[in-house]
């Protein structure tokens, strides 16, 4: 399953200016906040969480909240994520990957999630 999200960086900047430090706490845990050193990164993290939830087919909802998704960076600064145990078990997740990019005033994230369940292809 694949999910993608695009966010305008200036929208996230306005969100941060309006709500201050509380803005980040609405969708990032303390470790993620420490990783987010710029508005570009914050926007990328927002897009990543949205893309991941879309890859699950849920979107951000009661079934998959922002805090069911944890973002990290490896030693090369490549983003990756972990999901709550509940989501891992529900979707029988086998593999996951994430890419985030920024250009001009936009951040884009693409998430890939492989599950044990096969999706049926219906002919027409």
C-alpha atoms as a PDB file:
ATOM      1  CA  UNK A   1       0.000   0.000   0.000  1.00  0.00           C
ATOM      2  CA  UNK A   2       1.255   3.486  -0.823  1.00  0.00           C
ATOM      3  CA  UNK A   3       0.294   6.839   0.677  1.00  0.00           C
ATOM      4  CA  UNK A   4       1.361  10.321  -0.354  1.00  0.00           C
ATOM      5  CA  UNK A   5       0.859  13.762   1.142  1.00  0.00           C
ATOM      6  CA  UNK A   6       1.805  17.289   0.141  1.00  0.00           C
ATOM      7  CA  UNK A   7       1.851  20.198   2.565  1.00  0.00           C
ATOM      8  CA  UNK A   8       2.622  23.869   2.067  1.00  0.00           C
ATOM      9  CA  UNK A   9       5.504  24.780   4.378  1.00  0.00           C
ATOM     10  CA  UNK A  10       4.145  28.303   4.947  1.00  0.00           C
ATOM     11  CA  UNK A  11       0.913  26.733   6.255  1.00  0.00           C
ATOM     12  CA  UNK A  12       2.903  24.859   8.894  1.00  0.00           C
ATOM     13  CA  UNK A  13       4.899  28.012   9.681  1.00  0.00           C
ATOM     14  CA  UNK A  14       1.644  29.942  10.249  1.00  0.00           C
ATOM     15  CA  UNK A  15       0.359  27.087  12.413  1.00  0.00           C
ATOM     16  CA  UNK A  16       3.538  27.266  14.538  1.00  0.00           C
ATOM     17  CA  UNK A  17       3.370  31.059  14.820  1.00  0.00           C
ATOM     18  CA  UNK A  18      -0.281  30.947  15.839  1.00  0.00           C
ATOM     19  CA  UNK A  19       0.008  28.205  18.482  1.00  0.00           C
ATOM     20  CA  UNK A  20       3.678  28.429  19.491  1.00  0.00           C
ATOM     21  CA  UNK A  21       5.271  25.408  21.166  1.00  0.00           C
ATOM     22  CA  UNK A  22       1.846  23.788  21.604  1.00  0.00           C
ATOM     23  CA  UNK A  23       1.559  23.405  17.827  1.00  0.00           C
ATOM     24  CA  UNK A  24       4.202  20.693  17.641  1.00  0.00           C
ATOM     25  CA  UNK A  25       2.779  18.809  20.615  1.00  0.00           C
ATOM     26  CA  UNK A  26      -0.481  18.336  18.689  1.00  0.00           C
ATOM     27  CA  UNK A  27       1.136  15.824  16.310  1.00  0.00           C
ATOM     28  CA  UNK A  28       4.737  15.109  17.393  1.00  0.00           C
ATOM     29  CA  UNK A  29       6.093  13.322  20.443  1.00  0.00           C
ATOM     30  CA  UNK A  30       9.039  14.866  22.378  1.00  0.00           C
ATOM     31  CA  UNK A  31      11.672  12.834  20.489  1.00  0.00           C
ATOM     32  CA  UNK A  32      10.216  13.908  17.133  1.00  0.00           C
ATOM     33  CA  UNK A  33      10.174  17.542  18.275  1.00  0.00           C
ATOM     34  CA  UNK A  34      13.903  17.281  19.052  1.00  0.00           C
ATOM     35  CA  UNK A  35      14.538  15.963  15.515  1.00  0.00           C
ATOM     36  CA  UNK A  36      12.523  18.773  13.900  1.00  0.00           C
ATOM     37  CA  UNK A  37      15.093  21.557  13.805  1.00  0.00           C
ATOM     38  CA  UNK A  38      13.382  23.636  11.092  1.00  0.00           C
ATOM     39  CA  UNK A  39       9.937  24.442   9.748  1.00  0.00           C
ATOM     40  CA  UNK A  40      10.809  22.426   6.635  1.00  0.00           C
ATOM     41  CA  UNK A  41      11.388  19.351   8.790  1.00  0.00           C
ATOM     42  CA  UNK A  42       8.182  19.947  10.757  1.00  0.00           C
ATOM     43  CA  UNK A  43       6.231  20.207   7.477  1.00  0.00           C
ATOM     44  CA  UNK A  44       7.901  17.024   6.218  1.00  0.00           C
ATOM     45  CA  UNK A  45       6.948  15.225   9.432  1.00  0.00           C
ATOM     46  CA  UNK A  46       3.330  16.372   9.062  1.00  0.00           C
ATOM     47  CA  UNK A  47       3.267  15.123   5.464  1.00  0.00           C
ATOM     48  CA  UNK A  48       4.905  11.849   6.537  1.00  0.00           C
ATOM     49  CA  UNK A  49       2.318  11.069   9.195  1.00  0.00           C
ATOM     50  CA  UNK A  50      -0.500  11.878   6.768  1.00  0.00           C
ATOM     51  CA  UNK A  51       1.072   9.724   4.019  1.00  0.00           C
ATOM     52  CA  UNK A  52       1.569   6.801   6.412  1.00  0.00           C
ATOM     53  CA  UNK A  53      -2.042   6.949   7.596  1.00  0.00           C
ATOM     54  CA  UNK A  54      -3.209   7.059   3.964  1.00  0.00           C
ATOM     55  CA  UNK A  55      -1.054   4.032   3.104  1.00  0.00           C
ATOM     56  CA  UNK A  56      -3.004   2.168   5.772  1.00  0.00           C
ATOM     57  CA  UNK A  57      -6.240   3.315   4.144  1.00  0.00           C
ATOM     58  CA  UNK A  58      -7.349   5.077   7.313  1.00  0.00           C
ATOM     59  CA  UNK A  59      -6.169   8.661   7.192  1.00  0.00           C
ATOM     60  CA  UNK A  60      -5.619  10.403  10.504  1.00  0.00           C
ATOM     61  CA  UNK A  61      -8.615   9.261  12.519  1.00  0.00           C
ATOM     62  CA  UNK A  62      -9.732   7.463  15.665  1.00  0.00           C
ATOM     63  CA  UNK A  63      -8.249   4.306  14.161  1.00  0.00           C
ATOM     64  CA  UNK A  64      -4.854   5.870  13.410  1.00  0.00           C
ATOM     65  CA  UNK A  65      -3.886   8.996  15.315  1.00  0.00           C
ATOM     66  CA  UNK A  66      -0.737  11.072  14.955  1.00  0.00           C
ATOM     67  CA  UNK A  67       0.742   9.326  17.998  1.00  0.00           C
ATOM     68  CA  UNK A  68       0.254   5.846  16.532  1.00  0.00           C
ATOM     69  CA  UNK A  69       3.087   6.807  14.171  1.00  0.00           C
ATOM     70  CA  UNK A  70       6.624   7.524  15.392  1.00  0.00           C
ATOM     71  CA  UNK A  71       9.184   9.159  13.110  1.00  0.00           C
ATOM     72  CA  UNK A  72      12.941   8.667  13.340  1.00  0.00           C
ATOM     73  CA  UNK A  73      16.080   9.424  11.333  1.00  0.00           C
ATOM     74  CA  UNK A  74      18.923   6.988  10.827  1.00  0.00           C
ATOM     75  CA  UNK A  75      22.637   7.880  10.962  1.00  0.00           C
ATOM     76  CA  UNK A  76      22.425   9.184   7.381  1.00  0.00           C
ATOM     77  CA  UNK A  77      19.375  11.371   8.200  1.00  0.00           C
ATOM     78  CA  UNK A  78      17.048   9.063   6.238  1.00  0.00           C
ATOM     79  CA  UNK A  79      13.567   9.113   7.782  1.00  0.00           C
ATOM     80  CA  UNK A  80      11.862   5.942   8.901  1.00  0.00           C
ATOM     81  CA  UNK A  81       8.890   5.149  11.092  1.00  0.00           C
ATOM     82  CA  UNK A  82       7.410   2.715  13.548  1.00  0.00           C
ATOM     83  CA  UNK A  83       3.739   2.061  14.166  1.00  0.00           C
ATOM     84  CA  UNK A  84       1.847   1.203  17.322  1.00  0.00           C
ATOM     85  CA  UNK A  85       1.678  -2.486  18.124  1.00  0.00           C
ATOM     86  CA  UNK A  86      -2.083  -2.350  17.583  1.00  0.00           C
ATOM     87  CA  UNK A  87      -1.668  -1.227  13.948  1.00  0.00           C
ATOM     88  CA  UNK A  88       1.169  -3.683  13.264  1.00  0.00           C
ATOM     89  CA  UNK A  89      -1.019  -6.558  14.450  1.00  0.00           C
ATOM     90  CA  UNK A  90      -4.225  -5.359  12.803  1.00  0.00           C
ATOM     91  CA  UNK A  91      -2.648  -4.963   9.360  1.00  0.00           C
ATOM     92  CA  UNK A  92      -0.074  -7.775   9.695  1.00  0.00           C
ATOM     93  CA  UNK A  93       2.654  -5.415   8.505  1.00  0.00           C
ATOM     94  CA  UNK A  94       5.747  -7.002   6.975  1.00  0.00           C
ATOM     95  CA  UNK A  95       7.749  -4.023   5.687  1.00  0.00           C
ATOM     96  CA  UNK A  96       7.606  -0.219   5.630  1.00  0.00           C
ATOM     97  CA  UNK A  97       9.522   2.631   4.020  1.00  0.00           C
ATOM     98  CA  UNK A  98       9.297   6.409   3.874  1.00  0.00           C
ATOM     99  CA  UNK A  99      10.658   9.233   1.743  1.00  0.00           C
ATOM    100  CA  UNK A 100      10.317  12.963   2.464  1.00  0.00           C
ATOM    101  CA  UNK A 101      11.390  15.800   0.186  1.00  0.00           C
ATOM    102  CA  UNK A 102      11.116  19.586   0.145  1.00  0.00           C
ATOM    103  CA  UNK A 103      10.999  21.997  -2.788  1.00  0.00           C
ATOM    104  CA  UNK A 104      10.272  25.699  -2.656  1.00  0.00           C
ATOM    105  CA  UNK A 105       7.301  26.040  -0.292  1.00  0.00           C
ATOM    106  CA  UNK A 106       6.244  22.387  -0.283  1.00  0.00           C
ATOM    107  CA  UNK A 107       7.051  19.219   1.624  1.00  0.00           C
ATOM    108  CA  UNK A 108       6.067  15.859   0.147  1.00  0.00           C
ATOM    109  CA  UNK A 109       6.109  12.442   1.776  1.00  0.00           C
ATOM    110  CA  UNK A 110       5.543   9.008   0.302  1.00  0.00           C
ATOM    111  CA  UNK A 111       5.006   5.992   2.525  1.00  0.00           C
ATOM    112  CA  UNK A 112       5.112   2.337   1.531  1.00  0.00           C
ATOM    113  CA  UNK A 113       3.615  -0.373   3.725  1.00  0.00           C
ATOM    114  CA  UNK A 114       3.617  -4.070   2.846  1.00  0.00           C
ATOM    115  CA  UNK A 115       1.052  -6.202   4.616  1.00  0.00           C
ATOM    116  CA  UNK A 116       0.464  -9.927   4.807  1.00  0.00           C
ATOM    117  CA  UNK A 117      -3.086  -9.527   3.501  1.00  0.00           C
ATOM    118  CA  UNK A 118      -3.383  -9.528  -0.265  1.00  0.00           C
ATOM    119  CA  UNK A 119      -5.592  -7.018  -2.021  1.00  0.00           C
ATOM    120  CA  UNK A 120      -7.930  -8.503  -4.580  1.00  0.00           C
ATOM    121  CA  UNK A 121      -7.773  -7.277  -8.139  1.00  0.00           C
ATOM    122  CA  UNK A 122     -11.228  -7.234  -9.599  1.00  0.00           C
ATOM    123  CA  UNK A 123     -11.654  -7.495 -13.349  1.00  0.00           C
ATOM    124  CA  UNK A 124     -14.274  -5.553 -15.221  1.00  0.00           C
END
